[in-house]
Amino acid sequence: MSEAFSAGLGMAFGLVMGQQMLQAMRLPEKGVVRRVLICHECAAQNPAENKFCGDCGRGLYPPPQIRCQECSSKMRASMKYCGNCGSVLKR
């Protein structure tokens, strides 16, 4: 009886290992979206979980803002023109 049990256990172990290996080797499914954040300082791509840029160390949240000198609207620091009045944003 112990030989039959050992044989069955060995077969089950082999099946489980085969399934685990197939899962490990499986290619990512098409359509999987990986969220990234673009650093406002150096334009590096960072995983969405990061709080700071992996390349330059700048904080990723919240994005830096500047105020338009013409209409006082707040804009992202990466913008060149005001989205409200179209004025050139001075840094």
PDB file of N, CA and C in Angstrom:
ATOM      1  N   MET A   1       0.823  -1.184   0.000  1.00  0.00           N
ATOM      2  CA  MET A   1       0.000   0.000   0.000  1.00  0.00           C
ATOM      3  C   MET A   1       0.870   1.252   0.000  1.00  0.00           C
ATOM      4  N   SER A   2       1.992   1.232   0.652  1.00  0.00           N
ATOM      5  CA  SER A   2       2.835   2.419   0.692  1.00  0.00           C
ATOM      6  C   SER A   2       3.462   2.702  -0.672  1.00  0.00           C
ATOM      7  N   GLU A   3       3.728   1.655  -1.472  1.00  0.00           N
ATOM      8  CA  GLU A   3       4.276   1.890  -2.810  1.00  0.00           C
ATOM      9  C   GLU A   3       3.246   2.579  -3.699  1.00  0.00           C
ATOM     10  N   ALA A   4       1.994   2.166  -3.603  1.00  0.00           N
ATOM     11  CA  ALA A   4       0.933   2.793  -4.398  1.00  0.00           C
ATOM     12  C   ALA A   4       0.747   4.251  -3.976  1.00  0.00           C
ATOM     13  N   PHE A   5       0.811   4.475  -2.669  1.00  0.00           N
ATOM     14  CA  PHE A   5       0.678   5.841  -2.165  1.00  0.00           C
ATOM     15  C   PHE A   5       1.829   6.712  -2.653  1.00  0.00           C
ATOM     16  N   SER A   6       3.042   6.171  -2.593  1.00  0.00           N
ATOM     17  CA  SER A   6       4.221   6.922  -3.053  1.00  0.00           C
ATOM     18  C   SER A   6       4.142   7.223  -4.540  1.00  0.00           C
ATOM     19  N   ALA A   7       3.670   6.254  -5.313  1.00  0.00           N
ATOM     20  CA  ALA A   7       3.542   6.462  -6.757  1.00  0.00           C
ATOM     21  C   ALA A   7       2.509   7.553  -7.050  1.00  0.00           C
ATOM     22  N   GLY A   8       1.390   7.517  -6.338  1.00  0.00           N
ATOM     23  CA  GLY A   8       0.343   8.524  -6.532  1.00  0.00           C
ATOM     24  C   GLY A   8       0.814   9.906  -6.120  1.00  0.00           C
ATOM     25  N   LEU A   9       1.533   9.961  -5.009  1.00  0.00           N
ATOM     26  CA  LEU A   9       2.066  11.232  -4.537  1.00  0.00           C
ATOM     27  C   LEU A   9       3.070  11.796  -5.531  1.00  0.00           C
ATOM     28  N   GLY A  10       3.905  10.940  -6.075  1.00  0.00           N
ATOM     29  CA  GLY A  10       4.890  11.371  -7.063  1.00  0.00           C
ATOM     30  C   GLY A  10       4.238  11.907  -8.321  1.00  0.00           C
ATOM     31  N   MET A  11       3.163  11.232  -8.769  1.00  0.00           N
ATOM     32  CA  MET A  11       2.456  11.697  -9.967  1.00  0.00           C
ATOM     33  C   MET A  11       1.777  13.045  -9.704  1.00  0.00           C
ATOM     34  N   ALA A  12       1.172  13.187  -8.536  1.00  0.00           N
ATOM     35  CA  ALA A  12       0.507  14.446  -8.201  1.00  0.00           C
ATOM     36  C   ALA A  12       1.527  15.580  -8.134  1.00  0.00           C
ATOM     37  N   PHE A  13       2.676  15.293  -7.543  1.00  0.00           N
ATOM     38  CA  PHE A  13       3.726  16.303  -7.441  1.00  0.00           C
ATOM     39  C   PHE A  13       4.193  16.726  -8.830  1.00  0.00           C
ATOM     40  N   GLY A  14       4.335  15.761  -9.724  1.00  0.00           N
ATOM     41  CA  GLY A  14       4.753  16.044 -11.095  1.00  0.00           C
ATOM     42  C   GLY A  14       3.742  16.916 -11.824  1.00  0.00           C
ATOM     43  N   LEU A  15       2.450  16.632 -11.633  1.00  0.00           N
ATOM     44  CA  LEU A  15       1.409  17.437 -12.269  1.00  0.00           C
ATOM     45  C   LEU A  15       1.407  18.870 -11.749  1.00  0.00           C
ATOM     46  N   VAL A  16       1.535  19.013 -10.448  1.00  0.00           N
ATOM     47  CA  VAL A  16       1.540  20.354  -9.846  1.00  0.00           C
ATOM     48  C   VAL A  16       2.753  21.144 -10.331  1.00  0.00           C
ATOM     49  N   MET A  17       3.901  20.512 -10.370  1.00  0.00           N
ATOM     50  CA  MET A  17       5.110  21.199 -10.833  1.00  0.00           C
ATOM     51  C   MET A  17       4.979  21.605 -12.299  1.00  0.00           C
ATOM     52  N   GLY A  18       4.382  20.742 -13.110  1.00  0.00           N
ATOM     53  CA  GLY A  18       4.176  21.069 -14.519  1.00  0.00           C
ATOM     54  C   GLY A  18       3.281  22.280 -14.681  1.00  0.00           C
ATOM     55  N   GLN A  19       2.196  22.345 -13.915  1.00  0.00           N
ATOM     56  CA  GLN A  19       1.290  23.489 -13.973  1.00  0.00           C
ATOM     57  C   GLN A  19       2.004  24.769 -13.531  1.00  0.00           C
ATOM     58  N   GLN A  20       2.794  24.689 -12.472  1.00  0.00           N
ATOM     59  CA  GLN A  20       3.525  25.867 -11.990  1.00  0.00           C
ATOM     60  C   GLN A  20       4.524  26.356 -13.029  1.00  0.00           C
ATOM     61  N   MET A  21       5.200  25.445 -13.694  1.00  0.00           N
ATOM     62  CA  MET A  21       6.172  25.837 -14.714  1.00  0.00           C
ATOM     63  C   MET A  21       5.484  26.509 -15.899  1.00  0.00           C
ATOM     64  N   LEU A  22       4.319  25.985 -16.309  1.00  0.00           N
ATOM     65  CA  LEU A  22       3.586  26.613 -17.413  1.00  0.00           C
ATOM     66  C   LEU A  22       3.138  28.018 -17.053  1.00  0.00           C
ATOM     67  N   GLN A  23       2.672  28.221 -15.824  1.00  0.00           N
ATOM     68  CA  GLN A  23       2.270  29.556 -15.400  1.00  0.00           C
ATOM     69  C   GLN A  23       3.456  30.510 -15.368  1.00  0.00           C
ATOM     70  N   ALA A  24       4.594  30.044 -14.918  1.00  0.00           N
ATOM     71  CA  ALA A  24       5.782  30.893 -14.830  1.00  0.00           C
ATOM     72  C   ALA A  24       6.289  31.290 -16.216  1.00  0.00           C
ATOM     73  N   MET A  25       6.128  30.414 -17.199  1.00  0.00           N
ATOM     74  CA  MET A  25       6.643  30.676 -18.539  1.00  0.00           C
ATOM     75  C   MET A  25       5.622  31.393 -19.427  1.00  0.00           C
ATOM     76  N   ARG A  26       4.401  31.552 -18.966  1.00  0.00           N
ATOM     77  CA  ARG A  26       3.350  32.161 -19.773  1.00  0.00           C
ATOM     78  C   ARG A  26       3.696  33.610 -20.089  1.00  0.00           C
ATOM     79  N   LEU A  27       3.523  33.980 -21.346  1.00  0.00           N
ATOM     80  CA  LEU A  27       3.776  35.349 -21.777  1.00  0.00           C
ATOM     81  C   LEU A  27       2.656  36.247 -21.282  1.00  0.00           C
ATOM     82  N   PRO A  28       2.940  37.529 -21.052  1.00  0.00           N
ATOM     83  CA  PRO A  28       1.880  38.453 -20.635  1.00  0.00           C
ATOM     84  C   PRO A  28       0.771  38.497 -21.683  1.00  0.00           C
ATOM     85  N   GLU A  29      -0.441  38.599 -21.209  1.00  0.00           N
ATOM     86  CA  GLU A  29      -1.575  38.655 -22.118  1.00  0.00           C
ATOM     87  C   GLU A  29      -1.573  39.977 -22.871  1.00  0.00           C
ATOM     88  N   LYS A  30      -2.048  39.924 -24.103  1.00  0.00           N
ATOM     89  CA  LYS A  30      -2.168  41.153 -24.882  1.00  0.00           C
ATOM     90  C   LYS A  30      -3.232  42.018 -24.250  1.00  0.00           C
ATOM     91  N   GLY A  31      -3.062  43.308 -24.331  1.00  0.00           N
ATOM     92  CA  GLY A  31      -4.034  44.232 -23.783  1.00  0.00           C
ATOM     93  C   GLY A  31      -3.791  44.571 -22.323  1.00  0.00           C
ATOM     94  N   VAL A  32      -2.763  44.006 -21.718  1.00  0.00           N
ATOM     95  CA  VAL A  32      -2.450  44.328 -20.328  1.00  0.00           C
ATOM     96  C   VAL A  32      -1.808  45.706 -20.299  1.00  0.00           C
ATOM     97  N   VAL A  33      -2.367  46.591 -19.537  1.00  0.00           N
ATOM     98  CA  VAL A  33      -1.872  47.959 -19.468  1.00  0.00           C
ATOM     99  C   VAL A  33      -1.040  48.123 -18.205  1.00  0.00           C
ATOM    100  N   ARG A  34       0.167  48.620 -18.372  1.00  0.00           N
ATOM    101  CA  ARG A  34       1.037  48.894 -17.234  1.00  0.00           C
ATOM    102  C   ARG A  34       1.043  50.388 -17.006  1.00  0.00           C
ATOM    103  N   ARG A  35       0.584  50.823 -15.850  1.00  0.00           N
ATOM    104  CA  ARG A  35       0.503  52.250 -15.559  1.00  0.00           C
ATOM    105  C   ARG A  35       1.876  52.787 -15.180  1.00  0.00           C
ATOM    106  N   VAL A  36       2.240  53.895 -15.798  1.00  0.00           N
ATOM    107  CA  VAL A  36       3.503  54.557 -15.483  1.00  0.00           C
ATOM    108  C   VAL A  36       3.241  56.038 -15.258  1.00  0.00           C
ATOM    109  N   LEU A  37       4.136  56.660 -14.519  1.00  0.00           N
ATOM    110  CA  LEU A  37       4.110  58.108 -14.319  1.00  0.00           C
ATOM    111  C   LEU A  37       5.333  58.696 -14.994  1.00  0.00           C
ATOM    112  N   ILE A  38       5.146  59.800 -15.674  1.00  0.00           N
ATOM    113  CA  ILE A  38       6.255  60.483 -16.332  1.00  0.00           C
ATOM    114  C   ILE A  38       6.731  61.593 -15.399  1.00  0.00           C
ATOM    115  N   CYS A  39       8.023  61.591 -15.109  1.00  0.00           N
ATOM    116  CA  CYS A  39       8.609  62.606 -14.235  1.00  0.00           C
ATOM    117  C   CYS A  39       8.571  63.965 -14.933  1.00  0.00           C
ATOM    118  N   HIS A  40       8.166  65.003 -14.200  1.00  0.00           N
ATOM    119  CA  HIS A  40       8.103  66.349 -14.771  1.00  0.00           C
ATOM    120  C   HIS A  40       9.480  66.987 -14.897  1.00  0.00           C
ATOM    121  N   GLU A  41      10.457  66.442 -14.218  1.00  0.00           N
ATOM    122  CA  GLU A  41      11.814  66.997 -14.262  1.00  0.00           C
ATOM    123  C   GLU A  41      12.636  66.398 -15.398  1.00  0.00           C
ATOM    124  N   CYS A  42      12.674  65.062 -15.473  1.00  0.00           N
ATOM    125  CA  CYS A  42      13.581  64.405 -16.429  1.00  0.00           C
ATOM    126  C   CYS A  42      12.861  63.543 -17.470  1.00  0.00           C
ATOM    127  N   ALA A  43      11.537  63.466 -17.411  1.00  0.00           N
ATOM    128  CA  ALA A  43      10.701  62.710 -18.358  1.00  0.00           C
ATOM    129  C   ALA A  43      10.919  61.199 -18.292  1.00  0.00           C
ATOM    130  N   ALA A  44      11.479  60.691 -17.205  1.00  0.00           N
ATOM    131  CA  ALA A  44      11.664  59.248 -17.050  1.00  0.00           C
ATOM    132  C   ALA A  44      10.330  58.580 -16.728  1.00  0.00           C
ATOM    133  N   GLN A  45      10.168  57.349 -17.197  1.00  0.00           N
ATOM    134  CA  GLN A  45       8.972  56.571 -16.877  1.00  0.00           C
ATOM    135  C   GLN A  45       9.183  55.857 -15.547  1.00  0.00           C
ATOM    136  N   ASN A  46       8.184  55.957 -14.664  1.00  0.00           N
ATOM    137  CA  ASN A  46       8.252  55.345 -13.338  1.00  0.00           C
ATOM    138  C   ASN A  46       7.000  54.520 -13.105  1.00  0.00           C
ATOM    139  N   PRO A  47       7.099  53.395 -12.374  1.00  0.00           N
ATOM    140  CA  PRO A  47       5.897  52.639 -12.023  1.00  0.00           C
ATOM    141  C   PRO A  47       4.937  53.521 -11.229  1.00  0.00           C
ATOM    142  N   ALA A  48       3.644  53.272 -11.366  1.00  0.00           N
ATOM    143  CA  ALA A  48       2.620  54.091 -10.709  1.00  0.00           C
ATOM    144  C   ALA A  48       2.745  54.055  -9.190  1.00  0.00           C
ATOM    145  N   GLU A  49       3.393  53.028  -8.626  1.00  0.00           N
ATOM    146  CA  GLU A  49       3.543  52.923  -7.170  1.00  0.00           C
ATOM    147  C   GLU A  49       4.599  53.871  -6.617  1.00  0.00           C
ATOM    148  N   ASN A  50       5.506  54.331  -7.479  1.00  0.00           N
ATOM    149  CA  ASN A  50       6.594  55.192  -7.005  1.00  0.00           C
ATOM    150  C   ASN A  50       6.069  56.538  -6.523  1.00  0.00           C
ATOM    151  N   LYS A  51       6.684  57.057  -5.448  1.00  0.00           N
ATOM    152  CA  LYS A  51       6.386  58.399  -4.967  1.00  0.00           C
ATOM    153  C   LYS A  51       7.427  59.391  -5.475  1.00  0.00           C
ATOM    154  N   PHE A  52       8.618  58.869  -5.799  1.00  0.00           N
ATOM    155  CA  PHE A  52       9.724  59.698  -6.273  1.00  0.00           C
ATOM    156  C   PHE A  52      10.290  59.087  -7.543  1.00  0.00           C
ATOM    157  N   CYS A  53      10.847  59.931  -8.399  1.00  0.00           N
ATOM    158  CA  CYS A  53      11.431  59.470  -9.655  1.00  0.00           C
ATOM    159  C   CYS A  53      12.652  58.600  -9.383  1.00  0.00           C
ATOM    160  N   GLY A  54      12.737  57.479 -10.069  1.00  0.00           N
ATOM    161  CA  GLY A  54      13.875  56.582  -9.919  1.00  0.00           C
ATOM    162  C   GLY A  54      15.141  57.109 -10.566  1.00  0.00           C
ATOM    163  N   ASP A  55      15.023  58.086 -11.489  1.00  0.00           N
ATOM    164  CA  ASP A  55      16.197  58.628 -12.168  1.00  0.00           C
ATOM    165  C   ASP A  55      16.743  59.897 -11.523  1.00  0.00           C
ATOM    166  N   CYS A  56      15.850  60.831 -11.164  1.00  0.00           N
ATOM    167  CA  CYS A  56      16.346  62.112 -10.637  1.00  0.00           C
ATOM    168  C   CYS A  56      15.955  62.365  -9.177  1.00  0.00           C
ATOM    169  N   GLY A  57      15.036  61.577  -8.617  1.00  0.00           N
ATOM    170  CA  GLY A  57      14.667  61.723  -7.215  1.00  0.00           C
ATOM    171  C   GLY A  57      13.580  62.747  -6.937  1.00  0.00           C
ATOM    172  N   ARG A  58      13.077  63.418  -7.940  1.00  0.00           N
ATOM    173  CA  ARG A  58      12.031  64.432  -7.733  1.00  0.00           C
ATOM    174  C   ARG A  58      10.712  63.756  -7.361  1.00  0.00           C
ATOM    175  N   GLY A  59       9.926  64.402  -6.513  1.00  0.00           N
ATOM    176  CA  GLY A  59       8.628  63.873  -6.126  1.00  0.00           C
ATOM    177  C   GLY A  59       7.685  63.818  -7.316  1.00  0.00           C
ATOM    178  N   LEU A  60       6.927  62.727  -7.427  1.00  0.00           N
ATOM    179  CA  LEU A  60       6.011  62.552  -8.545  1.00  0.00           C
ATOM    180  C   LEU A  60       4.602  63.054  -8.241  1.00  0.00           C
ATOM    181  N   TYR A  61       4.278  63.223  -6.964  1.00  0.00           N
ATOM    182  CA  TYR A  61       2.942  63.683  -6.555  1.00  0.00           C
ATOM    183  C   TYR A  61       3.075  64.910  -5.695  1.00  0.00           C
ATOM    184  N   PRO A  62       2.238  65.869  -5.735  1.00  0.00           N
ATOM    185  CA  PRO A  62       1.473  66.257  -6.920  1.00  0.00           C
ATOM    186  C   PRO A  62       2.401  66.890  -7.940  1.00  0.00           C
ATOM    187  N   PRO A  63       1.975  66.955  -9.201  1.00  0.00           N
ATOM    188  CA  PRO A  63       2.858  67.586 -10.192  1.00  0.00           C
ATOM    189  C   PRO A  63       3.042  69.070  -9.857  1.00  0.00           C
ATOM    190  N   PRO A  64       4.235  69.605 -10.067  1.00  0.00           N
ATOM    191  CA  PRO A  64       4.488  71.008  -9.746  1.00  0.00           C
ATOM    192  C   PRO A  64       3.614  71.931 -10.593  1.00  0.00           C
ATOM    193  N   GLN A  65       3.209  73.044  -9.993  1.00  0.00           N
ATOM    194  CA  GLN A  65       2.361  74.002 -10.696  1.00  0.00           C
ATOM    195  C   GLN A  65       2.994  75.393 -10.670  1.00  0.00           C
ATOM    196  N   ILE A  66       2.639  76.183 -11.679  1.00  0.00           N
ATOM    197  CA  ILE A  66       3.024  77.590 -11.718  1.00  0.00           C
ATOM    198  C   ILE A  66       1.751  78.402 -11.963  1.00  0.00           C
ATOM    199  N   ARG A  67       1.806  79.681 -11.694  1.00  0.00           N
ATOM    200  CA  ARG A  67       0.642  80.553 -11.867  1.00  0.00           C
ATOM    201  C   ARG A  67       0.893  81.467 -13.058  1.00  0.00           C
ATOM    202  N   CYS A  68      -0.107  81.581 -13.917  1.00  0.00           N
ATOM    203  CA  CYS A  68      -0.025  82.474 -15.075  1.00  0.00           C
ATOM    204  C   CYS A  68       0.032  83.920 -14.580  1.00  0.00           C
ATOM    205  N   GLN A  69       0.957  84.698 -15.120  1.00  0.00           N
ATOM    206  CA  GLN A  69       1.102  86.085 -14.697  1.00  0.00           C
ATOM    207  C   GLN A  69       0.007  86.985 -15.258  1.00  0.00           C
ATOM    208  N   GLU A  70      -0.693  86.526 -16.299  1.00  0.00           N
ATOM    209  CA  GLU A  70      -1.754  87.334 -16.921  1.00  0.00           C
ATOM    210  C   GLU A  70      -3.112  87.125 -16.242  1.00  0.00           C
ATOM    211  N   CYS A  71      -3.513  85.837 -16.052  1.00  0.00           N
ATOM    212  CA  CYS A  71      -4.862  85.578 -15.544  1.00  0.00           C
ATOM    213  C   CYS A  71      -4.875  84.878 -14.189  1.00  0.00           C
ATOM    214  N   SER A  72      -3.712  84.573 -13.636  1.00  0.00           N
ATOM    215  CA  SER A  72      -3.549  83.940 -12.318  1.00  0.00           C
ATOM    216  C   SER A  72      -4.043  82.501 -12.247  1.00  0.00           C
ATOM    217  N   SER A  73      -4.264  81.847 -13.375  1.00  0.00           N
ATOM    218  CA  SER A  73      -4.668  80.440 -13.378  1.00  0.00           C
ATOM    219  C   SER A  73      -3.474  79.558 -13.025  1.00  0.00           C
ATOM    220  N   LYS A  74      -3.729  78.474 -12.319  1.00  0.00           N
ATOM    221  CA  LYS A  74      -2.666  77.514 -12.008  1.00  0.00           C
ATOM    222  C   LYS A  74      -2.530  76.529 -13.155  1.00  0.00           C
ATOM    223  N   MET A  75      -1.298  76.299 -13.568  1.00  0.00           N
ATOM    224  CA  MET A  75      -0.988  75.378 -14.659  1.00  0.00           C
ATOM    225  C   MET A  75       0.146  74.459 -14.226  1.00  0.00           C
ATOM    226  N   ARG A  76       0.242  73.303 -14.893  1.00  0.00           N
ATOM    227  CA  ARG A  76       1.379  72.411 -14.646  1.00  0.00           C
ATOM    228  C   ARG A  76       2.655  73.113 -15.068  1.00  0.00           C
ATOM    229  N   ALA A  77       3.718  72.863 -14.347  1.00  0.00           N
ATOM    230  CA  ALA A  77       4.998  73.526 -14.626  1.00  0.00           C
ATOM    231  C   ALA A  77       5.575  73.122 -15.980  1.00  0.00           C
ATOM    232  N   SER A  78       5.130  72.000 -16.541  1.00  0.00           N
ATOM    233  CA  SER A  78       5.657  71.545 -17.826  1.00  0.00           C
ATOM    234  C   SER A  78       5.010  72.266 -19.015  1.00  0.00           C
ATOM    235  N   MET A  79       3.935  73.036 -18.773  1.00  0.00           N
ATOM    236  CA  MET A  79       3.240  73.731 -19.860  1.00  0.00           C
ATOM    237  C   MET A  79       4.000  74.992 -20.267  1.00  0.00           C
ATOM    238  N   LYS A  80       3.946  75.305 -21.555  1.00  0.00           N
ATOM    239  CA  LYS A  80       4.612  76.497 -22.075  1.00  0.00           C
ATOM    240  C   LYS A  80       3.653  77.664 -22.219  1.00  0.00           C
ATOM    241  N   TYR A  81       2.367  77.362 -22.428  1.00  0.00           N
ATOM    242  CA  TYR A  81       1.350  78.392 -22.610  1.00  0.00           C
ATOM    243  C   TYR A  81       0.195  78.142 -21.646  1.00  0.00           C
ATOM    244  N   CYS A  82      -0.424  79.194 -21.213  1.00  0.00           N
ATOM    245  CA  CYS A  82      -1.564  79.108 -20.286  1.00  0.00           C
ATOM    246  C   CYS A  82      -2.741  78.468 -21.011  1.00  0.00           C
ATOM    247  N   GLY A  83      -3.357  77.495 -20.389  1.00  0.00           N
ATOM    248  CA  GLY A  83      -4.515  76.835 -20.965  1.00  0.00           C
ATOM    249  C   GLY A  83      -5.770  77.676 -20.864  1.00  0.00           C
ATOM    250  N   ASN A  84      -5.743  78.732 -20.075  1.00  0.00           N
ATOM    251  CA  ASN A  84      -6.917  79.584 -19.884  1.00  0.00           C
ATOM    252  C   ASN A  84      -6.898  80.806 -20.809  1.00  0.00           C
ATOM    253  N   CYS A  85      -5.739  81.477 -20.913  1.00  0.00           N
ATOM    254  CA  CYS A  85      -5.700  82.709 -21.721  1.00  0.00           C
ATOM    255  C   CYS A  85      -4.702  82.650 -22.877  1.00  0.00           C
ATOM    256  N   GLY A  86      -3.860  81.619 -22.933  1.00  0.00           N
ATOM    257  CA  GLY A  86      -2.920  81.465 -24.043  1.00  0.00           C
ATOM    258  C   GLY A  86      -1.622  82.223 -23.899  1.00  0.00           C
ATOM    259  N   SER A  87      -1.416  82.894 -22.771  1.00  0.00           N
ATOM    260  CA  SER A  87      -0.181  83.661 -22.549  1.00  0.00           C
ATOM    261  C   SER A  87       1.008  82.726 -22.378  1.00  0.00           C
ATOM    262  N   VAL A  88       2.168  83.223 -22.706  1.00  0.00           N
ATOM    263  CA  VAL A  88       3.402  82.478 -22.485  1.00  0.00           C
ATOM    264  C   VAL A  88       3.641  82.388 -20.975  1.00  0.00           C
ATOM    265  N   LEU A  89       3.900  81.186 -20.498  1.00  0.00           N
ATOM    266  CA  LEU A  89       4.159  80.988 -19.068  1.00  0.00           C
ATOM    267  C   LEU A  89       5.641  81.196 -18.798  1.00  0.00           C
ATOM    268  N   LYS A  90       5.952  82.118 -17.924  1.00  0.00           N
ATOM    269  CA  LYS A  90       7.344  82.413 -17.582  1.00  0.00           C
ATOM    270  C   LYS A  90       7.711  81.613 -16.350  1.00  0.00           C
ATOM    271  N   ARG A  91       8.904  81.113 -16.347  1.00  0.00           N
ATOM    272  CA  ARG A  91       9.383  80.297 -15.227  1.00  0.00           C
ATOM    273  C   ARG A  91      10.294  81.084 -14.348  1.00  0.00           C
TER     274      ARG A  91
END
